């Protein structure tokens, strides 16, 4: 049950959209597969941490 709360707290829809968009732009700009994967992973980590921090700050 706690796992679902952690998953929802990261705002998975927005996280997925932003990560997919940035990764797609990296591929379209000519970045190689390895570079695009690293960039996508970095953006994913950033989005997760921002979502969790926002929910922690907004918690009662």
N, C-alpha and C. Protein backbone atom coordinates (compact mmCIF):
# COMPACT_ATOMS: atom_id res chain seq x y z
N UNK A 1 0.82 -1.20 0.00
CA UNK A 1 0.00 0.00 0.00
C UNK A 1 0.86 1.26 0.00
N UNK A 2 1.94 1.26 0.78
CA UNK A 2 2.81 2.44 0.82
C UNK A 2 3.48 2.67 -0.52
N UNK A 3 3.74 1.59 -1.26
CA UNK A 3 4.36 1.71 -2.57
C UNK A 3 3.50 2.51 -3.54
N UNK A 4 2.19 2.31 -3.46
CA UNK A 4 1.28 3.07 -4.33
C UNK A 4 1.32 4.55 -4.01
N UNK A 5 1.43 4.87 -2.72
CA UNK A 5 1.50 6.28 -2.32
C UNK A 5 2.76 6.94 -2.83
N UNK A 6 3.87 6.22 -2.76
CA UNK A 6 5.13 6.76 -3.26
C UNK A 6 5.05 6.94 -4.77
N UNK A 7 4.44 5.98 -5.45
CA UNK A 7 4.29 6.07 -6.90
C UNK A 7 3.41 7.26 -7.28
N UNK A 8 2.28 7.42 -6.61
CA UNK A 8 1.38 8.54 -6.92
C UNK A 8 2.01 9.89 -6.57
N UNK A 9 2.84 9.91 -5.54
CA UNK A 9 3.44 11.17 -5.10
C UNK A 9 4.43 11.72 -6.12
N UNK A 10 4.96 10.88 -6.99
CA UNK A 10 5.92 11.38 -7.98
C UNK A 10 5.23 11.96 -9.21
N UNK A 11 3.90 11.95 -9.22
CA UNK A 11 3.12 12.47 -10.36
C UNK A 11 3.56 11.75 -11.64
N UNK A 12 3.25 10.44 -11.74
CA UNK A 12 3.80 9.62 -12.82
C UNK A 12 3.42 10.06 -14.24
N UNK A 13 2.24 10.63 -14.41
CA UNK A 13 1.84 11.05 -15.75
C UNK A 13 2.74 12.17 -16.25
N UNK A 14 2.90 13.20 -15.44
CA UNK A 14 3.75 14.33 -15.84
C UNK A 14 5.20 13.90 -15.97
N UNK A 15 5.65 13.05 -15.07
CA UNK A 15 7.02 12.54 -15.13
C UNK A 15 7.26 11.79 -16.43
N UNK A 16 6.32 10.95 -16.82
CA UNK A 16 6.47 10.17 -18.05
C UNK A 16 6.46 11.07 -19.28
N UNK A 17 5.57 12.05 -19.31
CA UNK A 17 5.47 12.94 -20.46
C UNK A 17 6.75 13.77 -20.63
N UNK A 18 7.22 14.37 -19.56
CA UNK A 18 8.43 15.21 -19.64
C UNK A 18 9.64 14.37 -20.03
N UNK A 19 9.77 13.20 -19.42
CA UNK A 19 10.91 12.33 -19.73
C UNK A 19 10.87 11.87 -21.18
N UNK A 20 9.70 11.47 -21.66
CA UNK A 20 9.57 11.02 -23.05
C UNK A 20 9.85 12.16 -24.02
N UNK A 21 9.36 13.36 -23.72
CA UNK A 21 9.58 14.50 -24.59
C UNK A 21 11.06 14.84 -24.70
N UNK A 22 11.74 14.92 -23.58
CA UNK A 22 13.16 15.27 -23.59
C UNK A 22 13.98 14.18 -24.29
N UNK A 23 13.66 12.93 -24.04
CA UNK A 23 14.38 11.83 -24.70
C UNK A 23 14.14 11.86 -26.20
N UNK A 24 12.92 12.12 -26.62
CA UNK A 24 12.60 12.22 -28.04
C UNK A 24 13.35 13.38 -28.69
N UNK A 25 13.40 14.51 -28.01
CA UNK A 25 14.15 15.65 -28.54
C UNK A 25 15.64 15.35 -28.63
N UNK A 26 16.17 14.59 -27.68
CA UNK A 26 17.58 14.21 -27.72
C UNK A 26 17.87 13.34 -28.94
N UNK A 27 16.99 12.39 -29.20
CA UNK A 27 17.16 11.52 -30.37
C UNK A 27 17.04 12.34 -31.65
N UNK A 28 16.04 13.22 -31.71
CA UNK A 28 15.81 14.03 -32.91
C UNK A 28 16.96 15.00 -33.18
N UNK A 29 17.67 15.40 -32.15
CA UNK A 29 18.77 16.35 -32.33
C UNK A 29 20.06 15.66 -32.76
N UNK A 30 20.02 14.33 -32.88
CA UNK A 30 21.18 13.61 -33.35
C UNK A 30 22.05 13.01 -32.27
N UNK A 31 21.61 13.11 -31.04
CA UNK A 31 22.37 12.49 -29.95
C UNK A 31 22.28 10.98 -30.13
N UNK A 32 23.33 10.28 -29.86
CA UNK A 32 23.34 8.83 -30.03
C UNK A 32 22.46 8.12 -29.01
N UNK A 33 22.29 6.82 -29.19
CA UNK A 33 21.43 6.06 -28.27
C UNK A 33 21.92 6.12 -26.82
N UNK A 34 23.22 6.00 -26.62
CA UNK A 34 23.75 6.03 -25.25
C UNK A 34 23.53 7.40 -24.61
N UNK A 35 23.81 8.45 -25.36
CA UNK A 35 23.61 9.80 -24.83
C UNK A 35 22.15 10.10 -24.55
N UNK A 36 21.28 9.64 -25.43
CA UNK A 36 19.84 9.85 -25.22
C UNK A 36 19.35 9.09 -23.99
N UNK A 37 19.87 7.88 -23.80
CA UNK A 37 19.47 7.08 -22.63
C UNK A 37 19.95 7.73 -21.34
N UNK A 38 21.18 8.24 -21.34
CA UNK A 38 21.70 8.91 -20.14
C UNK A 38 20.90 10.16 -19.85
N UNK A 39 20.60 10.94 -20.89
CA UNK A 39 19.81 12.15 -20.70
C UNK A 39 18.42 11.81 -20.19
N UNK A 40 17.80 10.79 -20.77
CA UNK A 40 16.47 10.37 -20.32
C UNK A 40 16.48 9.93 -18.86
N UNK A 41 17.51 9.19 -18.47
CA UNK A 41 17.62 8.74 -17.07
C UNK A 41 17.82 9.92 -16.13
N UNK A 42 18.61 10.90 -16.55
CA UNK A 42 18.84 12.08 -15.72
C UNK A 42 17.55 12.89 -15.54
N UNK A 43 16.81 13.06 -16.62
CA UNK A 43 15.55 13.80 -16.54
C UNK A 43 14.55 13.03 -15.68
N UNK A 44 14.50 11.72 -15.83
CA UNK A 44 13.60 10.90 -15.02
C UNK A 44 13.91 11.07 -13.54
N UNK A 45 15.18 10.98 -13.17
CA UNK A 45 15.57 11.15 -11.76
C UNK A 45 15.19 12.54 -11.26
N UNK A 46 15.41 13.55 -12.07
CA UNK A 46 15.06 14.91 -11.68
C UNK A 46 13.56 15.08 -11.48
N UNK A 47 12.78 14.53 -12.40
CA UNK A 47 11.32 14.64 -12.29
C UNK A 47 10.80 13.91 -11.06
N UNK A 48 11.35 12.73 -10.79
CA UNK A 48 10.93 11.98 -9.61
C UNK A 48 11.23 12.77 -8.34
N UNK A 49 12.43 13.32 -8.24
CA UNK A 49 12.80 14.04 -7.02
C UNK A 49 11.98 15.31 -6.85
N UNK A 50 11.69 16.00 -7.93
CA UNK A 50 10.87 17.22 -7.83
C UNK A 50 9.45 16.86 -7.38
N UNK A 51 8.88 15.83 -7.96
CA UNK A 51 7.53 15.41 -7.57
C UNK A 51 7.46 15.02 -6.11
N UNK A 52 8.43 14.22 -5.66
CA UNK A 52 8.43 13.79 -4.26
C UNK A 52 8.67 14.95 -3.31
N UNK A 53 9.56 15.86 -3.66
CA UNK A 53 9.83 17.02 -2.80
C UNK A 53 8.60 17.93 -2.72
N UNK A 54 7.93 18.13 -3.84
CA UNK A 54 6.72 18.96 -3.83
C UNK A 54 5.66 18.37 -2.92
N UNK A 55 5.47 17.06 -2.99
CA UNK A 55 4.47 16.44 -2.12
C UNK A 55 4.90 16.47 -0.66
N UNK A 56 6.19 16.35 -0.40
CA UNK A 56 6.67 16.42 0.99
C UNK A 56 6.44 17.81 1.57
N UNK A 57 6.66 18.84 0.77
CA UNK A 57 6.46 20.22 1.24
C UNK A 57 4.97 20.50 1.44
N UNK A 58 4.13 19.95 0.56
CA UNK A 58 2.69 20.20 0.65
C UNK A 58 1.98 19.32 1.67
N UNK A 59 2.66 18.33 2.22
CA UNK A 59 2.02 17.42 3.18
C UNK A 59 1.61 18.18 4.44
N UNK A 60 0.49 17.77 5.03
CA UNK A 60 0.03 18.47 6.24
C UNK A 60 0.93 18.24 7.43
